[in-house]
C-alpha atoms as a PDB file:
ATOM      1  CA  UNK A   1      -1.727   6.619 -18.918  1.00  0.00           C
ATOM      2  CA  UNK A   2      -5.161   6.861 -17.324  1.00  0.00           C
ATOM      3  CA  UNK A   3      -7.637   9.123 -19.100  1.00  0.00           C
ATOM      4  CA  UNK A   4      -9.760  10.409 -16.269  1.00  0.00           C
ATOM      5  CA  UNK A   5     -13.513  10.549 -16.727  1.00  0.00           C
ATOM      6  CA  UNK A   6     -15.211  13.650 -15.346  1.00  0.00           C
ATOM      7  CA  UNK A   7     -18.668  12.306 -14.575  1.00  0.00           C
ATOM      8  CA  UNK A   8     -21.645  14.551 -15.246  1.00  0.00           C
ATOM      9  CA  UNK A   9     -25.144  14.302 -13.840  1.00  0.00           C
ATOM     10  CA  UNK A  10     -27.999  14.130 -16.323  1.00  0.00           C
ATOM     11  CA  UNK A  11     -30.023  17.313 -15.749  1.00  0.00           C
ATOM     12  CA  UNK A  12     -33.407  18.054 -17.228  1.00  0.00           C
ATOM     13  CA  UNK A  13     -35.975  20.785 -16.734  1.00  0.00           C
ATOM     14  CA  UNK A  14     -38.140  19.837 -14.956  1.00  0.00           C
ATOM     15  CA  UNK A  15     -35.713  17.568 -13.099  1.00  0.00           C
ATOM     16  CA  UNK A  16     -36.354  13.883 -12.328  1.00  0.00           C
ATOM     17  CA  UNK A  17     -39.611  13.728 -14.251  1.00  0.00           C
ATOM     18  CA  UNK A  18     -40.648  10.801 -16.433  1.00  0.00           C
ATOM     19  CA  UNK A  19     -43.327   9.989 -18.988  1.00  0.00           C
ATOM     20  CA  UNK A  20     -45.153   6.688 -18.771  1.00  0.00           C
ATOM     21  CA  UNK A  21     -45.497   5.029 -22.173  1.00  0.00           C
ATOM     22  CA  UNK A  22     -47.864   2.102 -22.619  1.00  0.00           C
ATOM     23  CA  UNK A  23     -46.122  -0.641 -24.607  1.00  0.00           C
ATOM     24  CA  UNK A  24     -49.478  -2.260 -25.551  1.00  0.00           C
ATOM     25  CA  UNK A  25     -48.288  -5.615 -24.166  1.00  0.00           C
ATOM     26  CA  UNK A  26     -49.215  -5.090 -20.545  1.00  0.00           C
ATOM     27  CA  UNK A  27     -45.928  -3.320 -19.743  1.00  0.00           C
ATOM     28  CA  UNK A  28     -44.956   0.325 -19.507  1.00  0.00           C
ATOM     29  CA  UNK A  29     -41.690   2.204 -20.160  1.00  0.00           C
ATOM     30  CA  UNK A  30     -40.432   5.177 -18.193  1.00  0.00           C
ATOM     31  CA  UNK A  31     -38.836   7.850 -20.376  1.00  0.00           C
ATOM     32  CA  UNK A  32     -37.159  10.985 -19.019  1.00  0.00           C
ATOM     33  CA  UNK A  33     -39.259  14.039 -19.615  1.00  0.00           C
ATOM     34  CA  UNK A  34     -38.272  17.663 -19.974  1.00  0.00           C
ATOM     35  CA  UNK A  35     -35.573  19.597 -21.750  1.00  0.00           C
ATOM     36  CA  UNK A  36     -32.005  18.283 -21.389  1.00  0.00           C
ATOM     37  CA  UNK A  37     -29.861  20.990 -19.785  1.00  0.00           C
ATOM     38  CA  UNK A  38     -26.816  18.766 -19.357  1.00  0.00           C
ATOM     39  CA  UNK A  39     -26.217  15.373 -20.929  1.00  0.00           C
ATOM     40  CA  UNK A  40     -25.097  12.972 -18.226  1.00  0.00           C
ATOM     41  CA  UNK A  41     -22.120  10.639 -18.582  1.00  0.00           C
ATOM     42  CA  UNK A  42     -23.259   7.244 -19.833  1.00  0.00           C
ATOM     43  CA  UNK A  43     -22.985   4.413 -17.346  1.00  0.00           C
ATOM     44  CA  UNK A  44     -21.858   1.812 -19.847  1.00  0.00           C
ATOM     45  CA  UNK A  45     -19.153  -0.791 -20.424  1.00  0.00           C
ATOM     46  CA  UNK A  46     -16.769   1.706 -22.007  1.00  0.00           C
ATOM     47  CA  UNK A  47     -16.685   3.858 -18.875  1.00  0.00           C
ATOM     48  CA  UNK A  48     -16.776   1.043 -16.309  1.00  0.00           C
ATOM     49  CA  UNK A  49     -14.138  -1.045 -18.117  1.00  0.00           C
ATOM     50  CA  UNK A  50     -11.801   1.959 -18.116  1.00  0.00           C
ATOM     51  CA  UNK A  51     -12.056   1.992 -14.314  1.00  0.00           C
ATOM     52  CA  UNK A  52     -11.458  -1.772 -14.158  1.00  0.00           C
ATOM     53  CA  UNK A  53      -8.409  -1.515 -16.424  1.00  0.00           C
ATOM     54  CA  UNK A  54      -6.921   1.240 -14.274  1.00  0.00           C
ATOM     55  CA  UNK A  55      -7.517  -0.734 -11.067  1.00  0.00           C
ATOM     56  CA  UNK A  56      -5.824  -3.748 -12.669  1.00  0.00           C
ATOM     57  CA  UNK A  57      -2.860  -1.602 -13.815  1.00  0.00           C
ATOM     58  CA  UNK A  58      -2.611  -0.099 -10.324  1.00  0.00           C
ATOM     59  CA  UNK A  59      -2.553  -3.571  -8.740  1.00  0.00           C
ATOM     60  CA  UNK A  60       0.153  -4.722 -11.168  1.00  0.00           C
ATOM     61  CA  UNK A  61       2.296  -1.605 -10.649  1.00  0.00           C
ATOM     62  CA  UNK A  62       2.013  -1.945  -6.862  1.00  0.00           C
ATOM     63  CA  UNK A  63       3.102  -5.567  -7.169  1.00  0.00           C
ATOM     64  CA  UNK A  64       6.075  -4.538  -9.311  1.00  0.00           C
ATOM     65  CA  UNK A  65       7.134  -1.887  -6.779  1.00  0.00           C
ATOM     66  CA  UNK A  66       6.842  -4.332  -3.880  1.00  0.00           C
ATOM     67  CA  UNK A  67       8.687  -7.033  -5.813  1.00  0.00           C
ATOM     68  CA  UNK A  68      11.437  -4.558  -6.718  1.00  0.00           C
ATOM     69  CA  UNK A  69      11.725  -3.601  -3.051  1.00  0.00           C
ATOM     70  CA  UNK A  70      11.975  -7.233  -1.955  1.00  0.00           C
ATOM     71  CA  UNK A  71      14.477  -8.096  -4.683  1.00  0.00           C
ATOM     72  CA  UNK A  72      16.738  -5.220  -3.692  1.00  0.00           C
ATOM     73  CA  UNK A  73      16.550  -6.238  -0.039  1.00  0.00           C
ATOM     74  CA  UNK A  74      17.485  -9.809  -0.964  1.00  0.00           C
ATOM     75  CA  UNK A  75      20.317  -8.586  -3.205  1.00  0.00           C
ATOM     76  CA  UNK A  76      21.764  -6.474  -0.401  1.00  0.00           C
ATOM     77  CA  UNK A  77      21.667  -9.427   1.993  1.00  0.00           C
ATOM     78  CA  UNK A  78      23.175 -11.936  -0.457  1.00  0.00           C
ATOM     79  CA  UNK A  79      25.880  -9.545  -1.674  1.00  0.00           C
ATOM     80  CA  UNK A  80      26.977  -8.612   1.837  1.00  0.00           C
ATOM     81  CA  UNK A  81      27.197 -12.317   2.733  1.00  0.00           C
ATOM     82  CA  UNK A  82      29.756 -12.806  -0.069  1.00  0.00           C
ATOM     83  CA  UNK A  83      32.221 -10.485   1.741  1.00  0.00           C
ATOM     84  CA  UNK A  84      33.564  -9.394  -1.667  1.00  0.00           C
ATOM     85  CA  UNK A  85      31.302  -6.455  -2.367  1.00  0.00           C
ATOM     86  CA  UNK A  86      32.680  -2.937  -2.490  1.00  0.00           C
ATOM     87  CA  UNK A  87      31.316  -0.041  -0.458  1.00  0.00           C
ATOM     88  CA  UNK A  88      30.193   1.618  -3.716  1.00  0.00           C
ATOM     89  CA  UNK A  89      28.027  -1.382  -4.628  1.00  0.00           C
ATOM     90  CA  UNK A  90      26.452  -1.460  -1.161  1.00  0.00           C
ATOM     91  CA  UNK A  91      25.582   2.224  -1.465  1.00  0.00           C
ATOM     92  CA  UNK A  92      24.036   1.614  -4.896  1.00  0.00           C
ATOM     93  CA  UNK A  93      21.949  -1.260  -3.546  1.00  0.00           C
ATOM     94  CA  UNK A  94      20.834   0.752  -0.530  1.00  0.00           C
ATOM     95  CA  UNK A  95      19.955   3.644  -2.822  1.00  0.00           C
ATOM     96  CA  UNK A  96      17.805   1.347  -4.983  1.00  0.00           C
ATOM     97  CA  UNK A  97      16.044   0.029  -1.876  1.00  0.00           C
ATOM     98  CA  UNK A  98      15.460   3.581  -0.646  1.00  0.00           C
ATOM     99  CA  UNK A  99      13.977   4.580  -4.017  1.00  0.00           C
ATOM    100  CA  UNK A 100      11.673   1.538  -3.990  1.00  0.00           C
ATOM    101  CA  UNK A 101      10.478   2.372  -0.487  1.00  0.00           C
ATOM    102  CA  UNK A 102       9.884   6.017  -1.435  1.00  0.00           C
ATOM    103  CA  UNK A 103       7.887   4.889  -4.506  1.00  0.00           C
ATOM    104  CA  UNK A 104       5.722   2.700  -2.283  1.00  0.00           C
ATOM    105  CA  UNK A 105       5.144   5.487   0.245  1.00  0.00           C
ATOM    106  CA  UNK A 106       4.393   8.013  -2.499  1.00  0.00           C
ATOM    107  CA  UNK A 107       1.926   5.582  -4.076  1.00  0.00           C
ATOM    108  CA  UNK A 108       0.364   5.171  -0.637  1.00  0.00           C
ATOM    109  CA  UNK A 109      -0.075   8.915  -0.149  1.00  0.00           C
ATOM    110  CA  UNK A 110      -1.521   9.403  -3.636  1.00  0.00           C
ATOM    111  CA  UNK A 111      -4.112   6.709  -3.006  1.00  0.00           C
ATOM    112  CA  UNK A 112      -4.979   8.084   0.447  1.00  0.00           C
ATOM    113  CA  UNK A 113      -4.108   4.876   2.287  1.00  0.00           C
ATOM    114  CA  UNK A 114      -4.044   5.525   6.001  1.00  0.00           C
ATOM    115  CA  UNK A 115      -0.557   5.138   7.457  1.00  0.00           C
ATOM    116  CA  UNK A 116       0.075   4.362  11.110  1.00  0.00           C
ATOM    117  CA  UNK A 117       3.479   5.590  12.285  1.00  0.00           C
ATOM    118  CA  UNK A 118       5.420   4.738  15.390  1.00  0.00           C
ATOM    119  CA  UNK A 119       8.850   4.249  16.864  1.00  0.00           C
ATOM    120  CA  UNK A 120      10.328   1.707  19.230  1.00  0.00           C
ATOM    121  CA  UNK A 121      13.680   0.818  20.759  1.00  0.00           C
ATOM    122  CA  UNK A 122      14.367  -2.916  20.772  1.00  0.00           C
ATOM    123  CA  UNK A 123      16.924  -4.383  23.181  1.00  0.00           C
ATOM    124  CA  UNK A 124      18.825  -7.658  23.261  1.00  0.00           C
ATOM    125  CA  UNK A 125      20.363  -9.156  26.417  1.00  0.00           C
ATOM    126  CA  UNK A 126      21.471 -12.471  24.881  1.00  0.00           C
ATOM    127  CA  UNK A 127      24.914 -13.423  23.522  1.00  0.00           C
ATOM    128  CA  UNK A 128      25.187 -13.981  19.755  1.00  0.00           C
ATOM    129  CA  UNK A 129      23.835 -16.087  17.996  1.00  0.00           C
ATOM    130  CA  UNK A 130      20.889 -15.842  20.416  1.00  0.00           C
ATOM    131  CA  UNK A 131      18.606 -12.818  20.402  1.00  0.00           C
ATOM    132  CA  UNK A 132      15.598 -11.773  22.515  1.00  0.00           C
ATOM    133  CA  UNK A 133      14.898  -8.414  20.847  1.00  0.00           C
ATOM    134  CA  UNK A 134      11.422  -9.231  19.549  1.00  0.00           C
ATOM    135  CA  UNK A 135       8.577  -7.033  20.847  1.00  0.00           C
ATOM    136  CA  UNK A 136       4.868  -6.823  20.054  1.00  0.00           C
ATOM    137  CA  UNK A 137       3.537  -3.663  18.396  1.00  0.00           C
ATOM    138  CA  UNK A 138      -0.157  -3.044  19.064  1.00  0.00           C
ATOM    139  CA  UNK A 139      -1.998  -1.386  16.173  1.00  0.00           C
ATOM    140  CA  UNK A 140      -4.253   1.601  16.867  1.00  0.00           C
ATOM    141  CA  UNK A 141      -6.824   0.313  14.336  1.00  0.00           C
ATOM    142  CA  UNK A 142      -7.554  -3.268  13.357  1.00  0.00           C
ATOM    143  CA  UNK A 143      -6.215  -4.203   9.908  1.00  0.00           C
ATOM    144  CA  UNK A 144      -6.426  -7.178   7.608  1.00  0.00           C
ATOM    145  CA  UNK A 145      -3.183  -9.142   7.908  1.00  0.00           C
ATOM    146  CA  UNK A 146      -2.043  -8.180   4.381  1.00  0.00           C
ATOM    147  CA  UNK A 147      -0.693  -4.810   5.574  1.00  0.00           C
ATOM    148  CA  UNK A 148       2.895  -3.733   4.895  1.00  0.00           C
ATOM    149  CA  UNK A 149       5.369  -2.633   7.563  1.00  0.00           C
ATOM    150  CA  UNK A 150       8.199  -0.337   6.394  1.00  0.00           C
ATOM    151  CA  UNK A 151      11.037   0.105   8.925  1.00  0.00           C
ATOM    152  CA  UNK A 152      13.863   2.634   9.208  1.00  0.00           C
ATOM    153  CA  UNK A 153      16.684   2.122  11.715  1.00  0.00           C
ATOM    154  CA  UNK A 154      17.397   5.471  13.410  1.00  0.00           C
ATOM    155  CA  UNK A 155      20.144   4.391  15.833  1.00  0.00           C
ATOM    156  CA  UNK A 156      21.870   1.222  17.007  1.00  0.00           C
ATOM    157  CA  UNK A 157      24.564  -0.088  19.337  1.00  0.00           C
ATOM    158  CA  UNK A 158      26.268  -3.017  17.595  1.00  0.00           C
ATOM    159  CA  UNK A 159      25.484  -5.229  14.600  1.00  0.00           C
ATOM    160  CA  UNK A 160      21.776  -4.895  13.660  1.00  0.00           C
ATOM    161  CA  UNK A 161      21.534  -7.800  11.214  1.00  0.00           C
ATOM    162  CA  UNK A 162      18.049  -7.888   9.659  1.00  0.00           C
ATOM    163  CA  UNK A 163      14.884  -6.189  10.864  1.00  0.00           C
ATOM    164  CA  UNK A 164      12.237  -8.902  11.020  1.00  0.00           C
ATOM    165  CA  UNK A 165       8.440  -8.406  11.002  1.00  0.00           C
ATOM    166  CA  UNK A 166       6.543 -11.522  12.105  1.00  0.00           C
ATOM    167  CA  UNK A 167       3.161 -12.684  13.394  1.00  0.00           C
ATOM    168  CA  UNK A 168       1.101 -10.069  11.559  1.00  0.00           C
ATOM    169  CA  UNK A 169      -2.379 -10.174  13.075  1.00  0.00           C
ATOM    170  CA  UNK A 170      -5.358  -7.837  12.803  1.00  0.00           C
ATOM    171  CA  UNK A 171      -4.432  -6.091  16.069  1.00  0.00           C
ATOM    172  CA  UNK A 172      -0.638  -6.066  15.898  1.00  0.00           C
ATOM    173  CA  UNK A 173       2.651  -7.636  14.829  1.00  0.00           C
ATOM    174  CA  UNK A 174       6.076  -8.502  16.235  1.00  0.00           C
ATOM    175  CA  UNK A 175       9.230  -6.587  15.414  1.00  0.00           C
ATOM    176  CA  UNK A 176      12.773  -7.730  16.086  1.00  0.00           C
ATOM    177  CA  UNK A 177      16.306  -7.893  14.689  1.00  0.00           C
ATOM    178  CA  UNK A 178      18.721 -10.761  14.095  1.00  0.00           C
ATOM    179  CA  UNK A 179      22.116  -9.229  14.936  1.00  0.00           C
ATOM    180  CA  UNK A 180      24.113  -8.961  18.167  1.00  0.00           C
ATOM    181  CA  UNK A 181      23.336  -5.282  18.836  1.00  0.00           C
ATOM    182  CA  UNK A 182      22.404  -4.403  22.408  1.00  0.00           C
ATOM    183  CA  UNK A 183      19.765  -1.933  21.188  1.00  0.00           C
ATOM    184  CA  UNK A 184      18.191  -0.766  17.938  1.00  0.00           C
ATOM    185  CA  UNK A 185      15.799   2.182  17.541  1.00  0.00           C
ATOM    186  CA  UNK A 186      13.310   1.894  14.689  1.00  0.00           C
ATOM    187  CA  UNK A 187      10.719   4.154  13.065  1.00  0.00           C
ATOM    188  CA  UNK A 188       7.985   2.065  11.436  1.00  0.00           C
ATOM    189  CA  UNK A 189       5.076   2.786   9.117  1.00  0.00           C
ATOM    190  CA  UNK A 190       2.121   0.437   8.715  1.00  0.00           C
ATOM    191  CA  UNK A 191       0.450   0.707   5.301  1.00  0.00           C
ATOM    192  CA  UNK A 192      -2.825  -0.700   3.994  1.00  0.00           C
ATOM    193  CA  UNK A 193      -5.052  -3.457   5.313  1.00  0.00           C
ATOM    194  CA  UNK A 194      -7.634  -1.244   7.016  1.00  0.00           C
ATOM    195  CA  UNK A 195     -10.875  -3.110   7.585  1.00  0.00           C
ATOM    196  CA  UNK A 196     -13.980  -1.818   5.880  1.00  0.00           C
END
């Protein structure tokens, strides 16, 4: 658990005044002058390392959430391919994937990452196994290409297959699906990667 530091300014009266002390070796030292009204928080290794440790823990936990999300998505795909899975197991897997996605989105909101939302309807005029559903999504703001795209299918006509995000560039990405559906409507959220 992170123990938050509430940083305090160092306040003296008079404020921001210093004494010059001659060190007798050709150098001088500046020492704060005045009465201390509020002791400031020390800017030292104990305080800065606490921040570093929390940033490291945050990076690890984000990685775990993303890995959990990917693993659940892979499990769903591999289990469905076996054609032996029960409807109950599929619902459990989908529930786990939904929870992972919600954890990621909640983490995003808590850390004030800017999310770009949109929706699109993809269409396919080819006969299976061919598919020409892929379309380019143009981003409103340029992003580093390490951003995450979370997709939700809202409606479909036919077998969707997988939703595939490819060609992530700073100004956009491509979105498509692999199934034989004639159309698939998708809500998407783009997370992270905003350029400084």
